């Protein structure tokens, strides 16, 4: 079990190092067994610009996890576009690009974000 956590931390560190190399803000994803959340982070200033979670969705109890993830991606994209952000770097935080993480990314792309 400990080895699995160490491998995930290594993957996350590798992804973040590549993401921080650019000048764009970072779209970071956190996934638990029940919920998913995303935030856009400005690494230059060390500030979180926007954050959304499926806990705050109105119809969260009626939505499937995949639908909720896609909706979170669309909402964070709308907020970013309102403030003038169009390009971000996707930080999957060591999770595989599969399932809910992929659905969130596709929702953000549909919302207008470029990464």
N, C-alpha and C. Protein backbone atom coordinates (compact mmCIF):
# COMPACT_ATOMS: atom_id res chain seq x y z
N UNK A 1 0.83 -1.19 0.00
CA UNK A 1 0.00 0.00 0.00
C UNK A 1 0.87 1.25 0.00
N UNK A 2 1.92 1.23 0.79
CA UNK A 2 2.81 2.38 0.86
C UNK A 2 3.51 2.62 -0.48
N UNK A 3 3.89 1.53 -1.14
CA UNK A 3 4.55 1.65 -2.44
C UNK A 3 3.64 2.30 -3.47
N UNK A 4 2.35 2.02 -3.41
CA UNK A 4 1.38 2.60 -4.33
C UNK A 4 1.29 4.12 -4.13
N UNK A 5 1.30 4.55 -2.87
CA UNK A 5 1.25 5.97 -2.56
C UNK A 5 2.52 6.68 -3.02
N UNK A 6 3.65 6.04 -2.84
CA UNK A 6 4.92 6.64 -3.25
C UNK A 6 4.96 6.80 -4.76
N UNK A 7 4.49 5.80 -5.49
CA UNK A 7 4.47 5.89 -6.95
C UNK A 7 3.56 7.02 -7.43
N UNK A 8 2.40 7.19 -6.77
CA UNK A 8 1.47 8.26 -7.14
C UNK A 8 2.11 9.62 -6.87
N UNK A 9 2.82 9.76 -5.75
CA UNK A 9 3.48 11.02 -5.44
C UNK A 9 4.57 11.34 -6.46
N UNK A 10 5.29 10.33 -6.91
CA UNK A 10 6.32 10.54 -7.94
C UNK A 10 5.70 11.00 -9.25
N UNK A 11 4.60 10.35 -9.64
CA UNK A 11 3.92 10.76 -10.87
C UNK A 11 3.42 12.19 -10.77
N UNK A 12 2.83 12.53 -9.62
CA UNK A 12 2.31 13.88 -9.42
C UNK A 12 3.44 14.91 -9.48
N UNK A 13 4.55 14.61 -8.87
CA UNK A 13 5.69 15.53 -8.88
C UNK A 13 6.22 15.73 -10.29
N UNK A 14 6.29 14.64 -11.06
CA UNK A 14 6.78 14.71 -12.43
C UNK A 14 5.85 15.56 -13.29
N UNK A 15 4.54 15.37 -13.14
CA UNK A 15 3.56 16.13 -13.92
C UNK A 15 3.62 17.60 -13.53
N UNK A 16 3.69 17.90 -12.24
CA UNK A 16 3.71 19.29 -11.78
C UNK A 16 4.97 20.02 -12.21
N UNK A 17 6.10 19.32 -12.22
CA UNK A 17 7.35 19.95 -12.64
C UNK A 17 7.25 20.40 -14.09
N UNK A 18 6.66 19.57 -14.94
CA UNK A 18 6.49 19.94 -16.34
C UNK A 18 5.47 21.07 -16.49
N UNK A 19 4.42 21.03 -15.66
CA UNK A 19 3.37 22.04 -15.76
C UNK A 19 3.86 23.40 -15.30
N UNK A 20 4.71 23.44 -14.28
CA UNK A 20 5.20 24.72 -13.75
C UNK A 20 6.27 25.35 -14.65
N UNK A 21 6.81 24.58 -15.59
CA UNK A 21 7.86 25.09 -16.46
C UNK A 21 7.32 26.18 -17.39
N UNK A 22 6.05 26.11 -17.74
CA UNK A 22 5.46 27.10 -18.64
C UNK A 22 5.02 28.35 -17.89
N UNK A 23 4.52 29.30 -18.64
CA UNK A 23 4.06 30.56 -18.05
C UNK A 23 2.55 30.59 -17.88
N UNK A 24 1.90 29.49 -18.13
CA UNK A 24 0.44 29.46 -18.04
C UNK A 24 -0.01 29.03 -16.65
N UNK A 25 -1.25 29.38 -16.28
CA UNK A 25 -1.81 28.86 -15.03
C UNK A 25 -2.04 27.36 -15.14
N UNK A 26 -2.18 26.71 -14.02
CA UNK A 26 -2.29 25.25 -13.97
C UNK A 26 -3.69 24.85 -13.54
N UNK A 27 -4.33 23.95 -14.30
CA UNK A 27 -5.62 23.37 -13.94
C UNK A 27 -5.35 22.06 -13.22
N UNK A 28 -5.50 22.07 -11.90
CA UNK A 28 -5.17 20.92 -11.07
C UNK A 28 -6.44 20.18 -10.69
N UNK A 29 -6.36 18.85 -10.67
CA UNK A 29 -7.51 17.99 -10.38
C UNK A 29 -7.26 17.21 -9.10
N UNK A 30 -8.30 17.10 -8.27
CA UNK A 30 -8.26 16.20 -7.11
C UNK A 30 -9.46 15.27 -7.22
N UNK A 31 -9.20 14.00 -7.04
CA UNK A 31 -10.27 13.00 -7.16
C UNK A 31 -10.26 12.12 -5.92
N UNK A 32 -11.43 11.99 -5.30
CA UNK A 32 -11.58 11.04 -4.21
C UNK A 32 -12.56 9.97 -4.68
N UNK A 33 -12.90 9.06 -3.81
CA UNK A 33 -13.83 8.00 -4.21
C UNK A 33 -15.22 8.55 -4.50
N UNK A 34 -15.62 9.60 -3.80
CA UNK A 34 -16.97 10.15 -3.95
C UNK A 34 -17.03 11.43 -4.79
N UNK A 35 -16.01 12.26 -4.69
CA UNK A 35 -16.09 13.59 -5.28
C UNK A 35 -14.88 13.88 -6.17
N UNK A 36 -15.03 14.96 -6.94
CA UNK A 36 -13.94 15.46 -7.77
C UNK A 36 -13.95 16.98 -7.69
N UNK A 37 -12.76 17.56 -7.67
CA UNK A 37 -12.67 19.01 -7.64
C UNK A 37 -11.52 19.45 -8.55
N UNK A 38 -11.60 20.71 -8.98
CA UNK A 38 -10.58 21.26 -9.86
C UNK A 38 -10.33 22.69 -9.44
N UNK A 39 -9.09 23.12 -9.65
CA UNK A 39 -8.76 24.51 -9.36
C UNK A 39 -7.72 25.00 -10.36
N UNK A 40 -7.80 26.29 -10.65
CA UNK A 40 -6.82 26.92 -11.52
C UNK A 40 -5.88 27.71 -10.61
N UNK A 41 -4.58 27.40 -10.74
CA UNK A 41 -3.58 27.95 -9.84
C UNK A 41 -2.58 28.78 -10.64
N UNK A 42 -2.26 29.96 -10.12
CA UNK A 42 -1.22 30.80 -10.68
C UNK A 42 0.05 30.52 -9.87
N UNK A 43 0.98 29.79 -10.45
CA UNK A 43 2.18 29.37 -9.72
C UNK A 43 3.17 30.51 -9.50
N UNK A 44 3.12 31.54 -10.33
CA UNK A 44 4.03 32.67 -10.14
C UNK A 44 3.75 33.38 -8.82
N UNK A 45 2.46 33.60 -8.54
CA UNK A 45 2.06 34.30 -7.32
C UNK A 45 1.67 33.35 -6.19
N UNK A 46 1.55 32.06 -6.51
CA UNK A 46 1.16 31.09 -5.50
C UNK A 46 -0.27 31.25 -5.03
N UNK A 47 -1.18 31.58 -5.97
CA UNK A 47 -2.57 31.82 -5.62
C UNK A 47 -3.49 30.90 -6.41
N UNK A 48 -4.58 30.50 -5.77
CA UNK A 48 -5.64 29.79 -6.45
C UNK A 48 -6.60 30.82 -7.02
N UNK A 49 -6.79 30.79 -8.33
CA UNK A 49 -7.65 31.76 -8.99
C UNK A 49 -9.11 31.34 -8.93
N UNK A 50 -9.39 30.07 -9.24
CA UNK A 50 -10.76 29.55 -9.23
C UNK A 50 -10.72 28.13 -8.69
N UNK A 51 -11.81 27.73 -8.04
CA UNK A 51 -11.93 26.33 -7.63
C UNK A 51 -13.41 25.94 -7.66
N UNK A 52 -13.65 24.73 -8.11
CA UNK A 52 -15.00 24.18 -8.15
C UNK A 52 -14.95 22.73 -7.71
N UNK A 53 -16.02 22.29 -7.08
CA UNK A 53 -16.13 20.91 -6.63
C UNK A 53 -17.54 20.41 -6.92
N UNK A 54 -17.69 19.12 -7.09
CA UNK A 54 -19.03 18.59 -7.34
C UNK A 54 -19.88 18.59 -6.08
N UNK A 55 -19.30 18.88 -4.94
CA UNK A 55 -20.08 19.00 -3.70
C UNK A 55 -21.03 20.19 -3.80
N UNK A 56 -20.61 21.23 -4.52
CA UNK A 56 -21.40 22.46 -4.63
C UNK A 56 -22.43 22.41 -5.76
N UNK A 57 -22.43 21.36 -6.56
CA UNK A 57 -23.41 21.26 -7.65
C UNK A 57 -24.81 21.09 -7.08
N UNK A 58 -25.79 21.70 -7.74
CA UNK A 58 -27.16 21.66 -7.25
C UNK A 58 -27.76 20.26 -7.36
N UNK A 59 -27.60 19.63 -8.51
CA UNK A 59 -28.20 18.32 -8.75
C UNK A 59 -27.20 17.19 -8.56
N UNK A 60 -26.27 17.36 -7.64
CA UNK A 60 -25.16 16.41 -7.47
C UNK A 60 -25.67 15.02 -7.11
N UNK A 61 -26.73 14.94 -6.31
CA UNK A 61 -27.25 13.63 -5.90
C UNK A 61 -27.87 12.87 -7.06
N UNK A 62 -28.37 13.59 -8.05
CA UNK A 62 -29.03 12.95 -9.18
C UNK A 62 -28.06 12.63 -10.32
N UNK A 63 -26.85 13.24 -10.29
CA UNK A 63 -25.88 13.05 -11.36
C UNK A 63 -24.99 11.85 -11.10
N UNK A 64 -24.57 11.23 -12.18
CA UNK A 64 -23.54 10.20 -12.08
C UNK A 64 -22.20 10.90 -11.90
N UNK A 65 -21.21 10.17 -11.43
CA UNK A 65 -19.90 10.77 -11.17
C UNK A 65 -19.26 11.33 -12.44
N UNK A 66 -19.41 10.63 -13.55
CA UNK A 66 -18.83 11.09 -14.82
C UNK A 66 -19.50 12.38 -15.28
N UNK A 67 -20.82 12.47 -15.15
CA UNK A 67 -21.54 13.68 -15.55
C UNK A 67 -21.13 14.85 -14.67
N UNK A 68 -20.98 14.60 -13.39
CA UNK A 68 -20.57 15.67 -12.46
C UNK A 68 -19.17 16.17 -12.80
N UNK A 69 -18.27 15.27 -13.14
CA UNK A 69 -16.91 15.66 -13.50
C UNK A 69 -16.92 16.54 -14.75
N UNK A 70 -17.71 16.17 -15.74
CA UNK A 70 -17.79 16.96 -16.97
C UNK A 70 -18.38 18.34 -16.69
N UNK A 71 -19.36 18.39 -15.81
CA UNK A 71 -19.99 19.66 -15.44
C UNK A 71 -19.00 20.57 -14.71
N UNK A 72 -18.18 20.01 -13.85
CA UNK A 72 -17.16 20.79 -13.15
C UNK A 72 -16.17 21.37 -14.15
N UNK A 73 -15.78 20.59 -15.14
CA UNK A 73 -14.88 21.08 -16.18
C UNK A 73 -15.48 22.26 -16.94
N UNK A 74 -16.77 22.17 -17.26
CA UNK A 74 -17.43 23.27 -17.98
C UNK A 74 -17.52 24.52 -17.11
N UNK A 75 -17.82 24.34 -15.82
CA UNK A 75 -17.95 25.50 -14.93
C UNK A 75 -16.61 26.22 -14.73
N UNK A 76 -15.55 25.46 -14.56
CA UNK A 76 -14.25 26.10 -14.35
C UNK A 76 -13.78 26.79 -15.63
N UNK A 77 -14.15 26.24 -16.78
CA UNK A 77 -13.81 26.88 -18.05
C UNK A 77 -14.57 28.20 -18.22
N UNK A 78 -15.84 28.22 -17.84
CA UNK A 78 -16.63 29.45 -17.93
C UNK A 78 -16.04 30.54 -17.05
N UNK A 79 -15.66 30.18 -15.82
CA UNK A 79 -15.09 31.16 -14.90
C UNK A 79 -13.76 31.70 -15.43
N UNK A 80 -12.95 30.81 -16.01
CA UNK A 80 -11.65 31.24 -16.54
C UNK A 80 -11.83 32.16 -17.74
N UNK A 81 -12.76 31.84 -18.61
CA UNK A 81 -12.98 32.66 -19.79
C UNK A 81 -13.52 34.04 -19.42
N UNK A 82 -14.34 34.12 -18.37
CA UNK A 82 -14.85 35.42 -17.93
C UNK A 82 -13.73 36.33 -17.46
N UNK A 83 -12.70 35.74 -16.87
CA UNK A 83 -11.59 36.56 -16.37
C UNK A 83 -10.50 36.76 -17.42
N UNK A 84 -10.67 36.18 -18.59
CA UNK A 84 -9.72 36.41 -19.67
C UNK A 84 -8.68 35.31 -19.85
N UNK A 85 -8.77 34.23 -19.10
CA UNK A 85 -7.84 33.11 -19.27
C UNK A 85 -8.37 32.18 -20.34
N UNK A 86 -7.53 31.84 -21.29
CA UNK A 86 -7.94 30.89 -22.32
C UNK A 86 -7.04 29.67 -22.34
N UNK A 87 -5.74 29.85 -22.05
CA UNK A 87 -4.78 28.76 -22.10
C UNK A 87 -4.32 28.40 -20.70
N UNK A 88 -4.36 27.11 -20.40
CA UNK A 88 -3.89 26.59 -19.11
C UNK A 88 -3.08 25.32 -19.37
N UNK A 89 -2.43 24.84 -18.32
CA UNK A 89 -1.72 23.57 -18.37
C UNK A 89 -2.51 22.59 -17.50
N UNK A 90 -2.78 21.39 -18.00
CA UNK A 90 -3.57 20.41 -17.26
C UNK A 90 -2.66 19.60 -16.35
N UNK A 91 -2.96 19.64 -15.05
CA UNK A 91 -2.22 18.90 -14.03
C UNK A 91 -3.15 17.81 -13.50
N UNK A 92 -2.88 16.58 -13.89
CA UNK A 92 -3.75 15.48 -13.48
C UNK A 92 -3.40 14.94 -12.11
N UNK A 93 -2.39 15.49 -11.47
CA UNK A 93 -2.01 15.18 -10.07
C UNK A 93 -1.66 13.72 -9.84
N UNK A 94 -1.10 13.08 -10.83
CA UNK A 94 -0.68 11.69 -10.66
C UNK A 94 -1.76 10.68 -11.00
N UNK A 95 -2.99 11.14 -11.24
CA UNK A 95 -4.06 10.22 -11.62
C UNK A 95 -3.90 9.87 -13.09
N UNK A 96 -4.37 8.70 -13.47
CA UNK A 96 -4.35 8.33 -14.88
C UNK A 96 -5.35 9.18 -15.65
N UNK A 97 -5.05 9.48 -16.88
CA UNK A 97 -5.96 10.25 -17.73
C UNK A 97 -7.03 9.28 -18.23
N UNK A 98 -8.01 9.04 -17.36
CA UNK A 98 -9.00 8.00 -17.62
C UNK A 98 -10.20 8.28 -16.74
N UNK A 99 -11.37 7.96 -17.20
CA UNK A 99 -12.56 8.06 -16.35
C UNK A 99 -12.94 9.50 -16.03
N UNK A 100 -13.08 9.79 -14.73
CA UNK A 100 -13.55 11.09 -14.29
C UNK A 100 -12.55 12.21 -14.58
N UNK A 101 -11.26 11.90 -14.52
CA UNK A 101 -10.24 12.92 -14.83
C UNK A 101 -10.34 13.30 -16.30
N UNK A 102 -10.53 12.32 -17.15
CA UNK A 102 -10.68 12.57 -18.59
C UNK A 102 -11.97 13.33 -18.87
N UNK A 103 -13.05 12.98 -18.17
CA UNK A 103 -14.33 13.66 -18.35
C UNK A 103 -14.22 15.13 -17.96
N UNK A 104 -13.52 15.42 -16.87
CA UNK A 104 -13.32 16.80 -16.44
C UNK A 104 -12.53 17.57 -17.50
N UNK A 105 -11.49 16.96 -18.03
CA UNK A 105 -10.67 17.62 -19.06
C UNK A 105 -11.50 17.88 -20.32
N UNK A 106 -12.31 16.93 -20.72
CA UNK A 106 -13.14 17.11 -21.91
C UNK A 106 -14.18 18.20 -21.69
N UNK A 107 -14.74 18.26 -20.48
CA UNK A 107 -15.69 19.33 -20.15
C UNK A 107 -15.04 20.70 -20.21
N UNK A 108 -13.81 20.79 -19.73
CA UNK A 108 -13.08 22.07 -19.77
C UNK A 108 -12.78 22.47 -21.21
N UNK A 109 -12.44 21.49 -22.04
CA UNK A 109 -12.18 21.79 -23.45
C UNK A 109 -13.46 22.25 -24.16
N UNK A 110 -14.58 21.58 -23.84
CA UNK A 110 -15.86 21.98 -24.43
C UNK A 110 -16.24 23.39 -23.98
N UNK A 111 -15.87 23.73 -22.76
CA UNK A 111 -16.14 25.06 -22.23
C UNK A 111 -15.29 26.15 -22.86
N UNK A 112 -14.20 25.79 -23.54
CA UNK A 112 -13.41 26.77 -24.24
C UNK A 112 -11.96 26.88 -23.78
N UNK A 113 -11.55 26.13 -22.78
CA UNK A 113 -10.16 26.18 -22.35
C UNK A 113 -9.26 25.43 -23.34
N UNK A 114 -8.04 25.89 -23.49
CA UNK A 114 -7.07 25.26 -24.38
C UNK A 114 -5.93 24.76 -23.54
N UNK A 115 -5.63 23.45 -23.66
CA UNK A 115 -4.46 22.86 -23.02
C UNK A 115 -4.02 21.65 -23.78
